[in-house]
Amino acid sequence: MGRNTESHSNISRLKNDVQLQQKRQRFHIIVAIIFLAIFLSVPLIISLIDLYISFVWIFIFSFFPLTWIIGWLYWRRMNK
């Protein structure tokens, strides 16, 4: 009887691990898509829109806070 409940707890733990891995994978995909969309928009903005170079510098330097925010979100999400 002890062995049966032990196997049920192992199965339950494996299901939780699989669900956690799926959540992590979904989070990674979403963050990667957002980051790539923003990163690839820099050449488009530079080539398609006639803007002052100062705007481009501001946009590029906004990647530093973006990276910190993504890292913080990842850290917070993975510690749950």
PDB file of N, CA and C in Angstrom:
ATOM      1  N   MET A   1       0.809  -1.187   0.000  1.00  0.00           N
ATOM      2  CA  MET A   1       0.000   0.000   0.000  1.00  0.00           C
ATOM      3  C   MET A   1       0.858   1.258   0.000  1.00  0.00           C
ATOM      4  N   GLY A   2       1.961   1.239   0.715  1.00  0.00           N
ATOM      5  CA  GLY A   2       2.855   2.385   0.750  1.00  0.00           C
ATOM      6  C   GLY A   2       3.488   2.643  -0.606  1.00  0.00           C
ATOM      7  N   ARG A   3       3.753   1.574  -1.303  1.00  0.00           N
ATOM      8  CA  ARG A   3       4.369   1.690  -2.623  1.00  0.00           C
ATOM      9  C   ARG A   3       3.399   2.322  -3.609  1.00  0.00           C
ATOM     10  N   ASN A   4       2.126   2.014  -3.524  1.00  0.00           N
ATOM     11  CA  ASN A   4       1.114   2.536  -4.433  1.00  0.00           C
ATOM     12  C   ASN A   4       0.961   4.054  -4.265  1.00  0.00           C
ATOM     13  N   THR A   5       0.893   4.521  -3.025  1.00  0.00           N
ATOM     14  CA  THR A   5       0.762   5.969  -2.794  1.00  0.00           C
ATOM     15  C   THR A   5       2.028   6.697  -3.204  1.00  0.00           C
ATOM     16  N   GLU A   6       3.172   6.029  -3.056  1.00  0.00           N
ATOM     17  CA  GLU A   6       4.441   6.629  -3.461  1.00  0.00           C
ATOM     18  C   GLU A   6       4.479   6.825  -4.975  1.00  0.00           C
ATOM     19  N   SER A   7       3.977   5.846  -5.732  1.00  0.00           N
ATOM     20  CA  SER A   7       3.977   5.977  -7.186  1.00  0.00           C
ATOM     21  C   SER A   7       2.991   7.056  -7.628  1.00  0.00           C
ATOM     22  N   HIS A   8       1.871   7.221  -6.915  1.00  0.00           N
ATOM     23  CA  HIS A   8       0.913   8.273  -7.246  1.00  0.00           C
ATOM     24  C   HIS A   8       1.520   9.648  -7.001  1.00  0.00           C
ATOM     25  N   SER A   9       2.297   9.780  -5.928  1.00  0.00           N
ATOM     26  CA  SER A   9       2.925  11.075  -5.651  1.00  0.00           C
ATOM     27  C   SER A   9       4.003  11.380  -6.701  1.00  0.00           C
ATOM     28  N   ASN A  10       4.704  10.345  -7.165  1.00  0.00           N
ATOM     29  CA  ASN A  10       5.697  10.546  -8.225  1.00  0.00           C
ATOM     30  C   ASN A  10       5.036  10.978  -9.526  1.00  0.00           C
ATOM     31  N   ILE A  11       3.922  10.373  -9.859  1.00  0.00           N
ATOM     32  CA  ILE A  11       3.192  10.735 -11.078  1.00  0.00           C
ATOM     33  C   ILE A  11       2.689  12.170 -10.966  1.00  0.00           C
ATOM     34  N   SER A  12       2.166  12.526  -9.813  1.00  0.00           N
ATOM     35  CA  SER A  12       1.678  13.888  -9.594  1.00  0.00           C
ATOM     36  C   SER A  12       2.813  14.891  -9.708  1.00  0.00           C
ATOM     37  N   ARG A  13       3.968  14.557  -9.144  1.00  0.00           N
ATOM     38  CA  ARG A  13       5.122  15.448  -9.222  1.00  0.00           C
ATOM     39  C   ARG A  13       5.610  15.587 -10.656  1.00  0.00           C
ATOM     40  N   LEU A  14       5.601  14.503 -11.418  1.00  0.00           N
ATOM     41  CA  LEU A  14       6.014  14.563 -12.821  1.00  0.00           C
ATOM     42  C   LEU A  14       5.065  15.431 -13.640  1.00  0.00           C
ATOM     43  N   LYS A  15       3.764  15.344 -13.359  1.00  0.00           N
ATOM     44  CA  LYS A  15       2.799  16.186 -14.067  1.00  0.00           C
ATOM     45  C   LYS A  15       3.053  17.654 -13.760  1.00  0.00           C
ATOM     46  N   ASN A  16       3.347  17.961 -12.497  1.00  0.00           N
ATOM     47  CA  ASN A  16       3.653  19.347 -12.121  1.00  0.00           C
ATOM     48  C   ASN A  16       4.926  19.837 -12.805  1.00  0.00           C
ATOM     49  N   ASP A  17       5.932  18.957 -12.904  1.00  0.00           N
ATOM     50  CA  ASP A  17       7.173  19.325 -13.577  1.00  0.00           C
ATOM     51  C   ASP A  17       6.937  19.596 -15.060  1.00  0.00           C
ATOM     52  N   VAL A  18       6.117  18.777 -15.693  1.00  0.00           N
ATOM     53  CA  VAL A  18       5.812  18.967 -17.111  1.00  0.00           C
ATOM     54  C   VAL A  18       5.064  20.281 -17.314  1.00  0.00           C
ATOM     55  N   GLN A  19       4.124  20.579 -16.436  1.00  0.00           N
ATOM     56  CA  GLN A  19       3.379  21.835 -16.543  1.00  0.00           C
ATOM     57  C   GLN A  19       4.301  23.031 -16.347  1.00  0.00           C
ATOM     58  N   LEU A  20       5.232  22.927 -15.408  1.00  0.00           N
ATOM     59  CA  LEU A  20       6.186  24.000 -15.169  1.00  0.00           C
ATOM     60  C   LEU A  20       7.082  24.213 -16.390  1.00  0.00           C
ATOM     61  N   GLN A  21       7.542  23.122 -16.983  1.00  0.00           N
ATOM     62  CA  GLN A  21       8.374  23.234 -18.180  1.00  0.00           C
ATOM     63  C   GLN A  21       7.609  23.874 -19.336  1.00  0.00           C
ATOM     64  N   GLN A  22       6.338  23.541 -19.478  1.00  0.00           N
ATOM     65  CA  GLN A  22       5.522  24.138 -20.538  1.00  0.00           C
ATOM     66  C   GLN A  22       5.342  25.636 -20.306  1.00  0.00           C
ATOM     67  N   LYS A  23       5.120  26.043 -19.059  1.00  0.00           N
ATOM     68  CA  LYS A  23       4.986  27.465 -18.742  1.00  0.00           C
ATOM     69  C   LYS A  23       6.283  28.208 -19.036  1.00  0.00           C
ATOM     70  N   ARG A  24       7.395  27.606 -18.658  1.00  0.00           N
ATOM     71  CA  ARG A  24       8.695  28.235 -18.923  1.00  0.00           C
ATOM     72  C   ARG A  24       8.939  28.368 -20.416  1.00  0.00           C
ATOM     73  N   GLN A  25       8.638  27.336 -21.161  1.00  0.00           N
ATOM     74  CA  GLN A  25       8.852  27.373 -22.610  1.00  0.00           C
ATOM     75  C   GLN A  25       7.971  28.441 -23.257  1.00  0.00           C
ATOM     76  N   ARG A  26       6.728  28.533 -22.839  1.00  0.00           N
ATOM     77  CA  ARG A  26       5.820  29.548 -23.371  1.00  0.00           C
ATOM     78  C   ARG A  26       6.343  30.950 -23.054  1.00  0.00           C
ATOM     79  N   PHE A  27       6.831  31.150 -21.825  1.00  0.00           N
ATOM     80  CA  PHE A  27       7.384  32.443 -21.428  1.00  0.00           C
ATOM     81  C   PHE A  27       8.608  32.792 -22.269  1.00  0.00           C
ATOM     82  N   HIS A  28       9.497  31.838 -22.487  1.00  0.00           N
ATOM     83  CA  HIS A  28      10.691  32.083 -23.299  1.00  0.00           C
ATOM     84  C   HIS A  28      10.324  32.477 -24.722  1.00  0.00           C
ATOM     85  N   ILE A  29       9.358  31.816 -25.297  1.00  0.00           N
ATOM     86  CA  ILE A  29       8.950  32.112 -26.669  1.00  0.00           C
ATOM     87  C   ILE A  29       8.367  33.521 -26.757  1.00  0.00           C
ATOM     88  N   ILE A  30       7.515  33.882 -25.818  1.00  0.00           N
ATOM     89  CA  ILE A  30       6.894  35.213 -25.837  1.00  0.00           C
ATOM     90  C   ILE A  30       7.957  36.300 -25.692  1.00  0.00           C
ATOM     91  N   VAL A  31       8.869  36.135 -24.745  1.00  0.00           N
ATOM     92  CA  VAL A  31       9.911  37.133 -24.519  1.00  0.00           C
ATOM     93  C   VAL A  31      10.832  37.229 -25.738  1.00  0.00           C
ATOM     94  N   ALA A  32      11.174  36.104 -26.337  1.00  0.00           N
ATOM     95  CA  ALA A  32      12.042  36.123 -27.513  1.00  0.00           C
ATOM     96  C   ALA A  32      11.372  36.834 -28.683  1.00  0.00           C
ATOM     97  N   ILE A  33      10.101  36.607 -28.888  1.00  0.00           N
ATOM     98  CA  ILE A  33       9.379  37.265 -29.980  1.00  0.00           C
ATOM     99  C   ILE A  33       9.324  38.774 -29.753  1.00  0.00           C
ATOM    100  N   ILE A  34       9.022  39.192 -28.537  1.00  0.00           N
ATOM    101  CA  ILE A  34       8.955  40.626 -28.232  1.00  0.00           C
ATOM    102  C   ILE A  34      10.323  41.271 -28.417  1.00  0.00           C
ATOM    103  N   PHE A  35      11.371  40.640 -27.882  1.00  0.00           N
ATOM    104  CA  PHE A  35      12.712  41.207 -27.993  1.00  0.00           C
ATOM    105  C   PHE A  35      13.157  41.291 -29.451  1.00  0.00           C
ATOM    106  N   LEU A  36      12.926  40.242 -30.229  1.00  0.00           N
ATOM    107  CA  LEU A  36      13.311  40.271 -31.639  1.00  0.00           C
ATOM    108  C   LEU A  36      12.528  41.318 -32.423  1.00  0.00           C
ATOM    109  N   ALA A  37      11.259  41.476 -32.105  1.00  0.00           N
ATOM    110  CA  ALA A  37      10.457  42.488 -32.799  1.00  0.00           C
ATOM    111  C   ALA A  37      11.004  43.886 -32.534  1.00  0.00           C
ATOM    112  N   ILE A  38      11.334  44.166 -31.293  1.00  0.00           N
ATOM    113  CA  ILE A  38      11.893  45.478 -30.968  1.00  0.00           C
ATOM    114  C   ILE A  38      13.286  45.634 -31.573  1.00  0.00           C
ATOM    115  N   PHE A  39      14.109  44.591 -31.464  1.00  0.00           N
ATOM    116  CA  PHE A  39      15.473  44.656 -31.976  1.00  0.00           C
ATOM    117  C   PHE A  39      15.506  44.840 -33.493  1.00  0.00           C
ATOM    118  N   LEU A  40      14.632  44.138 -34.204  1.00  0.00           N
ATOM    119  CA  LEU A  40      14.618  44.247 -35.659  1.00  0.00           C
ATOM    120  C   LEU A  40      13.941  45.512 -36.160  1.00  0.00           C
ATOM    121  N   SER A  41      13.234  46.187 -35.283  1.00  0.00           N
ATOM    122  CA  SER A  41      12.596  47.439 -35.707  1.00  0.00           C
ATOM    123  C   SER A  41      13.602  48.581 -35.830  1.00  0.00           C
ATOM    124  N   VAL A  42      14.777  48.463 -35.224  1.00  0.00           N
ATOM    125  CA  VAL A  42      15.787  49.523 -35.315  1.00  0.00           C
ATOM    126  C   VAL A  42      16.198  49.769 -36.765  1.00  0.00           C
ATOM    127  N   PRO A  43      16.604  48.762 -37.535  1.00  0.00           N
ATOM    128  CA  PRO A  43      16.965  49.042 -38.929  1.00  0.00           C
ATOM    129  C   PRO A  43      15.791  49.575 -39.751  1.00  0.00           C
ATOM    130  N   LEU A  44      14.597  49.109 -39.454  1.00  0.00           N
ATOM    131  CA  LEU A  44      13.432  49.613 -40.181  1.00  0.00           C
ATOM    132  C   LEU A  44      13.181  51.084 -39.890  1.00  0.00           C
ATOM    133  N   ILE A  45      13.294  51.451 -38.653  1.00  0.00           N
ATOM    134  CA  ILE A  45      13.090  52.846 -38.287  1.00  0.00           C
ATOM    135  C   ILE A  45      14.149  53.728 -38.936  1.00  0.00           C
ATOM    136  N   ILE A  46      15.383  53.270 -38.916  1.00  0.00           N
ATOM    137  CA  ILE A  46      16.467  54.058 -39.501  1.00  0.00           C
ATOM    138  C   ILE A  46      16.296  54.202 -41.006  1.00  0.00           C
ATOM    139  N   SER A  47      15.895  53.146 -41.684  1.00  0.00           N
ATOM    140  CA  SER A  47      15.825  53.184 -43.141  1.00  0.00           C
ATOM    141  C   SER A  47      14.536  53.791 -43.683  1.00  0.00           C
ATOM    142  N   LEU A  48      13.431  53.594 -43.007  1.00  0.00           N
ATOM    143  CA  LEU A  48      12.154  54.038 -43.555  1.00  0.00           C
ATOM    144  C   LEU A  48      11.735  55.437 -43.122  1.00  0.00           C
ATOM    145  N   ILE A  49      12.138  55.855 -41.960  1.00  0.00           N
ATOM    146  CA  ILE A  49      11.675  57.123 -41.431  1.00  0.00           C
ATOM    147  C   ILE A  49      12.847  58.095 -41.371  1.00  0.00           C
ATOM    148  N   ASP A  50      12.628  59.275 -41.879  1.00  0.00           N
ATOM    149  CA  ASP A  50      13.660  60.298 -41.852  1.00  0.00           C
ATOM    150  C   ASP A  50      13.583  61.035 -40.513  1.00  0.00           C
ATOM    151  N   LEU A  51      14.323  60.529 -39.537  1.00  0.00           N
ATOM    152  CA  LEU A  51      14.314  61.109 -38.198  1.00  0.00           C
ATOM    153  C   LEU A  51      15.682  61.666 -37.864  1.00  0.00           C
ATOM    154  N   TYR A  52      15.675  62.454 -36.841  1.00  0.00           N
ATOM    155  CA  TYR A  52      16.951  62.939 -36.335  1.00  0.00           C
ATOM    156  C   TYR A  52      17.713  61.789 -35.723  1.00  0.00           C
ATOM    157  N   ILE A  53      19.028  61.874 -35.787  1.00  0.00           N
ATOM    158  CA  ILE A  53      19.855  60.787 -35.271  1.00  0.00           C
ATOM    159  C   ILE A  53      19.704  60.661 -33.752  1.00  0.00           C
ATOM    160  N   SER A  54      19.333  61.742 -33.062  1.00  0.00           N
ATOM    161  CA  SER A  54      19.184  61.672 -31.602  1.00  0.00           C
ATOM    162  C   SER A  54      18.060  60.708 -31.204  1.00  0.00           C
ATOM    163  N   PHE A  55      16.982  60.644 -31.996  1.00  0.00           N
ATOM    164  CA  PHE A  55      15.913  59.699 -31.698  1.00  0.00           C
ATOM    165  C   PHE A  55      16.406  58.261 -31.788  1.00  0.00           C
ATOM    166  N   VAL A  56      17.237  58.000 -32.774  1.00  0.00           N
ATOM    167  CA  VAL A  56      17.782  56.642 -32.946  1.00  0.00           C
ATOM    168  C   VAL A  56      18.637  56.270 -31.740  1.00  0.00           C
ATOM    169  N   TRP A  57      19.448  57.220 -31.255  1.00  0.00           N
ATOM    170  CA  TRP A  57      20.271  56.944 -30.080  1.00  0.00           C
ATOM    171  C   TRP A  57      19.403  56.668 -28.860  1.00  0.00           C
ATOM    172  N   ILE A  58      18.350  57.455 -28.683  1.00  0.00           N
ATOM    173  CA  ILE A  58      17.442  57.231 -27.557  1.00  0.00           C
ATOM    174  C   ILE A  58      16.791  55.856 -27.668  1.00  0.00           C
ATOM    175  N   PHE A  59      16.378  55.502 -28.870  1.00  0.00           N
ATOM    176  CA  PHE A  59      15.747  54.205 -29.074  1.00  0.00           C
ATOM    177  C   PHE A  59      16.720  53.062 -28.786  1.00  0.00           C
ATOM    178  N   ILE A  60      17.951  53.207 -29.249  1.00  0.00           N
ATOM    179  CA  ILE A  60      18.939  52.146 -29.036  1.00  0.00           C
ATOM    180  C   ILE A  60      19.290  52.027 -27.554  1.00  0.00           C
ATOM    181  N   PHE A  61      19.448  53.158 -26.869  1.00  0.00           N
ATOM    182  CA  PHE A  61      19.775  53.089 -25.442  1.00  0.00           C
ATOM    183  C   PHE A  61      18.604  52.606 -24.598  1.00  0.00           C
ATOM    184  N   SER A  62      17.419  52.599 -25.163  1.00  0.00           N
ATOM    185  CA  SER A  62      16.284  52.038 -24.426  1.00  0.00           C
ATOM    186  C   SER A  62      16.394  50.514 -24.301  1.00  0.00           C
ATOM    187  N   PHE A  63      17.321  49.913 -25.030  1.00  0.00           N
ATOM    188  CA  PHE A  63      17.522  48.466 -24.911  1.00  0.00           C
ATOM    189  C   PHE A  63      18.119  48.082 -23.560  1.00  0.00           C
ATOM    190  N   PHE A  64      18.861  48.991 -22.937  1.00  0.00           N
ATOM    191  CA  PHE A  64      19.420  48.676 -21.618  1.00  0.00           C
ATOM    192  C   PHE A  64      18.321  48.452 -20.586  1.00  0.00           C
ATOM    193  N   PRO A  65      17.369  49.402 -20.429  1.00  0.00           N
ATOM    194  CA  PRO A  65      16.278  49.106 -19.486  1.00  0.00           C
ATOM    195  C   PRO A  65      15.432  47.921 -19.932  1.00  0.00           C
ATOM    196  N   LEU A  66      15.264  47.764 -21.237  1.00  0.00           N
ATOM    197  CA  LEU A  66      14.485  46.635 -21.738  1.00  0.00           C
ATOM    198  C   LEU A  66      15.123  45.315 -21.311  1.00  0.00           C
ATOM    199  N   THR A  67      16.431  45.222 -21.420  1.00  0.00           N
ATOM    200  CA  THR A  67      17.138  44.007 -21.024  1.00  0.00           C
ATOM    201  C   THR A  67      17.002  43.761 -19.526  1.00  0.00           C
ATOM    202  N   TRP A  68      17.122  44.807 -18.727  1.00  0.00           N
ATOM    203  CA  TRP A  68      16.966  44.666 -17.279  1.00  0.00           C
ATOM    204  C   TRP A  68      15.553  44.240 -16.928  1.00  0.00           C
ATOM    205  N   ILE A  69      14.563  44.819 -17.595  1.00  0.00           N
ATOM    206  CA  ILE A  69      13.165  44.467 -17.300  1.00  0.00           C
ATOM    207  C   ILE A  69      12.887  43.021 -17.675  1.00  0.00           C
ATOM    208  N   ILE A  70      13.370  42.588 -18.826  1.00  0.00           N
ATOM    209  CA  ILE A  70      13.170  41.199 -19.250  1.00  0.00           C
ATOM    210  C   ILE A  70      13.864  40.249 -18.273  1.00  0.00           C
ATOM    211  N   GLY A  71      15.079  40.606 -17.855  1.00  0.00           N
ATOM    212  CA  GLY A  71      15.795  39.777 -16.880  1.00  0.00           C
ATOM    213  C   GLY A  71      15.073  39.701 -15.555  1.00  0.00           C
ATOM    214  N   TRP A  72      14.532  40.836 -15.093  1.00  0.00           N
ATOM    215  CA  TRP A  72      13.797  40.862 -13.836  1.00  0.00           C
ATOM    216  C   TRP A  72      12.520  40.036 -13.938  1.00  0.00           C
ATOM    217  N   LEU A  73      11.796  40.174 -15.066  1.00  0.00           N
ATOM    218  CA  LEU A  73      10.577  39.384 -15.259  1.00  0.00           C
ATOM    219  C   LEU A  73      10.895  37.893 -15.276  1.00  0.00           C
ATOM    220  N   TYR A  74      11.977  37.536 -15.959  1.00  0.00           N
ATOM    221  CA  TYR A  74      12.383  36.131 -16.016  1.00  0.00           C
ATOM    222  C   TYR A  74      12.711  35.624 -14.613  1.00  0.00           C
ATOM    223  N   TRP A  75      13.492  36.403 -13.868  1.00  0.00           N
ATOM    224  CA  TRP A  75      13.898  35.994 -12.530  1.00  0.00           C
ATOM    225  C   TRP A  75      12.679  35.826 -11.620  1.00  0.00           C
ATOM    226  N   ARG A  76      11.759  36.796 -11.685  1.00  0.00           N
ATOM    227  CA  ARG A  76      10.555  36.735 -10.849  1.00  0.00           C
ATOM    228  C   ARG A  76       9.665  35.576 -11.223  1.00  0.00           C
ATOM    229  N   ARG A  77       9.530  35.354 -12.528  1.00  0.00           N
ATOM    230  CA  ARG A  77       8.646  34.286 -13.005  1.00  0.00           C
ATOM    231  C   ARG A  77       9.198  32.905 -12.662  1.00  0.00           C
ATOM    232  N   MET A  78      10.524  32.742 -12.750  1.00  0.00           N
ATOM    233  CA  MET A  78      11.110  31.435 -12.497  1.00  0.00           C
ATOM    234  C   MET A  78      11.225  31.116 -11.005  1.00  0.00           C
ATOM    235  N   ASN A  79      11.114  32.128 -10.148  1.00  0.00           N
ATOM    236  CA  ASN A  79      11.151  31.879  -8.705  1.00  0.00           C
ATOM    237  C   ASN A  79       9.781  31.540  -8.137  1.00  0.00           C
ATOM    238  N   LYS A  80       8.767  31.540  -8.948  1.00  0.00           N
ATOM    239  CA  LYS A  80       7.421  31.178  -8.457  1.00  0.00           C
ATOM    240  C   LYS A  80       7.311  29.679  -8.269  1.00  0.00           C
TER     241      LYS A  80
END
